[in-house]
Amino acid sequence: MARRFIPLTEVSEILDISAAQAYALVRTGDLPAIKVGGRGQWRVETSELENYIQRMYAETRDQLARQPGSLAEGADDASATHRD
C-alpha cells in the first residue's frame, strides 16, 4: 500500500529543491501540510504534492502563453544556434 504522507525531506528530494525551500512552500500555504507528533514534524499528503505539481505545470503553461518570445519558443532557437 502506498504511503499517504511523506516528510518534507522527501518532498525536497522529489521536487529537487532544498529542505528550506520545501519548508517555505508549506509556510506560505502553497503546499498544504500537517504537523504530527510531539516534535511537530511536517508531513505532506502525497495527493497534495501531486496537486501542487499539477498546479505549477498549469501556472507555467499560462505564463509561457502570455509571454511573446517565451522560453518555450526560445529553447528551440537556443539549441539550433549551438549545433555545429
N, C-alpha and C. Protein backbone atom coordinates (compact mmCIF):
# COMPACT_ATOMS: atom_id res chain seq x y z
N MET A 1 0.84 -1.19 0.00
CA MET A 1 0.00 0.00 0.00
C MET A 1 0.89 1.25 0.00
N ALA A 2 0.57 2.20 -0.85
CA ALA A 2 1.32 3.44 -0.94
C ALA A 2 1.12 4.28 0.32
N ARG A 3 2.17 4.99 0.69
CA ARG A 3 2.08 5.85 1.86
C ARG A 3 1.21 7.06 1.57
N ARG A 4 0.44 7.49 2.57
CA ARG A 4 -0.42 8.65 2.41
C ARG A 4 0.34 9.95 2.65
N PHE A 5 1.26 9.95 3.62
CA PHE A 5 2.01 11.15 3.99
C PHE A 5 3.51 10.94 3.83
N ILE A 6 4.21 12.01 3.47
CA ILE A 6 5.66 11.95 3.36
C ILE A 6 6.26 13.16 4.09
N PRO A 7 7.50 13.01 4.58
CA PRO A 7 8.16 14.13 5.27
C PRO A 7 8.68 15.17 4.27
N LEU A 8 8.98 16.35 4.79
CA LEU A 8 9.48 17.42 3.92
C LEU A 8 10.80 17.06 3.25
N THR A 9 11.60 16.23 3.90
CA THR A 9 12.86 15.81 3.26
C THR A 9 12.58 15.08 1.95
N GLU A 10 11.53 14.27 1.96
CA GLU A 10 11.18 13.54 0.74
C GLU A 10 10.57 14.48 -0.30
N VAL A 11 9.78 15.45 0.16
CA VAL A 11 9.23 16.46 -0.76
C VAL A 11 10.38 17.18 -1.45
N SER A 12 11.38 17.58 -0.69
CA SER A 12 12.51 18.30 -1.29
C SER A 12 13.26 17.44 -2.29
N GLU A 13 13.37 16.14 -2.02
CA GLU A 13 14.03 15.23 -2.98
C GLU A 13 13.20 15.09 -4.25
N ILE A 14 11.89 14.92 -4.09
CA ILE A 14 11.02 14.74 -5.26
C ILE A 14 11.05 15.98 -6.16
N LEU A 15 10.99 17.17 -5.54
CA LEU A 15 10.97 18.41 -6.32
C LEU A 15 12.38 18.90 -6.66
N ASP A 16 13.41 18.22 -6.14
CA ASP A 16 14.80 18.62 -6.36
C ASP A 16 15.04 20.07 -5.91
N ILE A 17 14.60 20.36 -4.68
CA ILE A 17 14.79 21.66 -4.06
C ILE A 17 15.41 21.44 -2.68
N SER A 18 15.82 22.51 -2.05
CA SER A 18 16.40 22.39 -0.71
C SER A 18 15.30 22.16 0.33
N ALA A 19 15.71 21.68 1.49
CA ALA A 19 14.76 21.50 2.59
C ALA A 19 14.14 22.83 2.99
N ALA A 20 14.94 23.89 2.95
CA ALA A 20 14.42 25.23 3.29
C ALA A 20 13.35 25.67 2.29
N GLN A 21 13.55 25.37 1.02
CA GLN A 21 12.55 25.73 0.02
C GLN A 21 11.26 24.93 0.22
N ALA A 22 11.38 23.67 0.57
CA ALA A 22 10.19 22.85 0.83
C ALA A 22 9.43 23.41 2.03
N TYR A 23 10.16 23.76 3.09
CA TYR A 23 9.52 24.34 4.26
C TYR A 23 8.85 25.66 3.91
N ALA A 24 9.47 26.47 3.06
CA ALA A 24 8.88 27.75 2.64
C ALA A 24 7.57 27.53 1.90
N LEU A 25 7.50 26.49 1.06
CA LEU A 25 6.25 26.18 0.36
C LEU A 25 5.13 25.88 1.35
N VAL A 26 5.47 25.17 2.41
CA VAL A 26 4.49 24.83 3.45
C VAL A 26 4.11 26.08 4.24
N ARG A 27 5.12 26.83 4.65
CA ARG A 27 4.90 28.02 5.48
C ARG A 27 4.03 29.05 4.77
N THR A 28 4.20 29.21 3.46
CA THR A 28 3.40 30.19 2.71
C THR A 28 2.01 29.67 2.35
N GLY A 29 1.80 28.36 2.55
CA GLY A 29 0.50 27.79 2.21
C GLY A 29 0.40 27.29 0.79
N ASP A 30 1.48 27.43 0.01
CA ASP A 30 1.46 26.93 -1.37
C ASP A 30 1.32 25.41 -1.41
N LEU A 31 1.89 24.75 -0.41
CA LEU A 31 1.82 23.29 -0.32
C LEU A 31 1.22 22.92 1.04
N PRO A 32 -0.04 22.49 1.07
CA PRO A 32 -0.67 22.14 2.34
C PRO A 32 0.05 20.99 3.04
N ALA A 33 0.20 21.10 4.35
CA ALA A 33 0.88 20.08 5.14
C ALA A 33 0.28 20.08 6.55
N ILE A 34 0.62 19.05 7.31
CA ILE A 34 0.19 18.96 8.70
C ILE A 34 1.40 18.72 9.59
N LYS A 35 1.26 19.11 10.84
CA LYS A 35 2.29 18.82 11.85
C LYS A 35 1.82 17.63 12.65
N VAL A 36 2.68 16.67 12.85
CA VAL A 36 2.32 15.47 13.61
C VAL A 36 3.38 15.18 14.67
N GLY A 37 2.96 14.47 15.70
CA GLY A 37 3.89 14.03 16.74
C GLY A 37 4.24 15.12 17.72
N GLY A 38 4.90 14.72 18.78
CA GLY A 38 5.28 15.63 19.84
C GLY A 38 6.29 16.68 19.41
N ARG A 39 7.11 16.36 18.45
CA ARG A 39 8.11 17.31 17.97
C ARG A 39 7.63 18.13 16.79
N GLY A 40 6.38 17.94 16.39
CA GLY A 40 5.81 18.75 15.31
C GLY A 40 6.47 18.55 13.97
N GLN A 41 6.65 17.32 13.57
CA GLN A 41 7.24 17.02 12.27
C GLN A 41 6.21 17.27 11.16
N TRP A 42 6.63 17.94 10.12
CA TRP A 42 5.74 18.24 9.00
C TRP A 42 5.58 17.02 8.10
N ARG A 43 4.35 16.81 7.64
CA ARG A 43 4.05 15.75 6.68
C ARG A 43 3.15 16.32 5.59
N VAL A 44 3.41 15.90 4.38
CA VAL A 44 2.63 16.33 3.22
C VAL A 44 1.91 15.13 2.65
N GLU A 45 0.63 15.28 2.42
CA GLU A 45 -0.14 14.20 1.81
C GLU A 45 0.30 14.08 0.35
N THR A 46 0.54 12.87 -0.09
CA THR A 46 1.05 12.68 -1.46
C THR A 46 0.10 13.25 -2.50
N SER A 47 -1.20 13.19 -2.25
CA SER A 47 -2.15 13.77 -3.20
C SER A 47 -2.01 15.30 -3.26
N GLU A 48 -1.68 15.93 -2.13
CA GLU A 48 -1.47 17.38 -2.12
C GLU A 48 -0.21 17.75 -2.89
N LEU A 49 0.83 16.93 -2.77
CA LEU A 49 2.04 17.17 -3.53
C LEU A 49 1.76 17.05 -5.03
N GLU A 50 1.01 16.04 -5.40
CA GLU A 50 0.66 15.87 -6.82
C GLU A 50 -0.19 17.04 -7.31
N ASN A 51 -1.13 17.52 -6.48
CA ASN A 51 -1.93 18.70 -6.84
C ASN A 51 -1.04 19.92 -7.04
N TYR A 52 -0.06 20.09 -6.15
CA TYR A 52 0.87 21.21 -6.26
C TYR A 52 1.64 21.14 -7.58
N ILE A 53 2.15 19.97 -7.90
CA ILE A 53 2.91 19.80 -9.14
C ILE A 53 2.04 20.12 -10.35
N GLN A 54 0.83 19.62 -10.38
CA GLN A 54 -0.08 19.90 -11.50
C GLN A 54 -0.40 21.39 -11.59
N ARG A 55 -0.57 22.05 -10.43
CA ARG A 55 -0.84 23.49 -10.40
C ARG A 55 0.36 24.26 -10.96
N MET A 56 1.56 23.83 -10.64
CA MET A 56 2.76 24.50 -11.14
C MET A 56 2.90 24.31 -12.65
N TYR A 57 2.56 23.12 -13.15
CA TYR A 57 2.55 22.91 -14.61
C TYR A 57 1.57 23.87 -15.27
N ALA A 58 0.37 23.99 -14.73
CA ALA A 58 -0.65 24.87 -15.30
C ALA A 58 -0.21 26.33 -15.25
N GLU A 59 0.37 26.76 -14.11
CA GLU A 59 0.84 28.14 -14.00
C GLU A 59 1.97 28.41 -14.98
N THR A 60 2.86 27.47 -15.15
CA THR A 60 3.96 27.65 -16.08
C THR A 60 3.45 27.76 -17.51
N ARG A 61 2.50 26.88 -17.88
CA ARG A 61 1.91 26.96 -19.23
C ARG A 61 1.25 28.31 -19.45
N ASP A 62 0.51 28.80 -18.44
CA ASP A 62 -0.16 30.10 -18.57
C ASP A 62 0.85 31.23 -18.71
N GLN A 63 1.91 31.19 -17.92
CA GLN A 63 2.94 32.24 -18.01
C GLN A 63 3.61 32.24 -19.37
N LEU A 64 3.94 31.06 -19.87
CA LEU A 64 4.59 30.97 -21.18
C LEU A 64 3.66 31.41 -22.30
N ALA A 65 2.38 31.12 -22.17
CA ALA A 65 1.43 31.51 -23.20
C ALA A 65 1.24 33.03 -23.25
N ARG A 66 1.42 33.70 -22.12
CA ARG A 66 1.24 35.16 -22.05
C ARG A 66 2.48 35.92 -22.50
N GLN A 67 3.62 35.26 -22.60
CA GLN A 67 4.87 35.94 -22.91
C GLN A 67 5.27 35.72 -24.36
N PRO A 68 5.23 36.77 -25.16
CA PRO A 68 5.72 36.61 -26.53
C PRO A 68 7.22 36.33 -26.49
N GLY A 69 7.69 35.45 -27.37
CA GLY A 69 9.10 35.09 -27.37
C GLY A 69 9.46 34.34 -26.09
N SER A 70 8.54 33.52 -25.63
CA SER A 70 8.70 32.81 -24.36
C SER A 70 9.84 31.81 -24.39
N LEU A 71 10.14 31.28 -23.24
CA LEU A 71 11.19 30.28 -23.10
C LEU A 71 10.94 29.08 -24.00
N ALA A 72 9.67 28.68 -24.12
CA ALA A 72 9.35 27.52 -24.96
C ALA A 72 9.77 27.76 -26.40
N GLU A 73 9.52 28.98 -26.88
CA GLU A 73 9.93 29.29 -28.25
C GLU A 73 11.43 29.48 -28.34
N GLY A 74 12.04 30.12 -27.33
CA GLY A 74 13.46 30.39 -27.31
C GLY A 74 14.30 29.14 -27.17
N ALA A 75 13.76 28.11 -26.57
CA ALA A 75 14.53 26.88 -26.37
C ALA A 75 14.94 26.26 -27.69
N ASP A 76 14.02 26.28 -28.65
CA ASP A 76 14.33 25.73 -29.97
C ASP A 76 15.40 26.58 -30.65
N ASP A 77 15.29 27.89 -30.51
CA ASP A 77 16.27 28.78 -31.12
C ASP A 77 17.64 28.59 -30.50
N ALA A 78 17.69 28.48 -29.18
CA ALA A 78 18.97 28.35 -28.48
C ALA A 78 19.68 27.05 -28.85
N SER A 79 18.93 25.97 -28.94
CA SER A 79 19.56 24.71 -29.28
C SER A 79 20.03 24.71 -30.73
N ALA A 80 19.35 25.43 -31.60
CA ALA A 80 19.72 25.48 -33.00
C ALA A 80 21.03 26.26 -33.18
N THR A 81 21.24 27.30 -32.34
CA THR A 81 22.44 28.09 -32.51
C THR A 81 23.67 27.40 -31.97
N HIS A 82 23.49 26.40 -31.10
CA HIS A 82 24.63 25.69 -30.52
C HIS A 82 25.00 24.42 -31.28
N ARG A 83 24.33 24.14 -32.36
CA ARG A 83 24.66 22.96 -33.16
C ARG A 83 25.77 23.29 -34.13
N ASP A 84 26.60 22.31 -34.39
CA ASP A 84 27.69 22.51 -35.37
C ASP A 84 27.25 22.11 -36.73
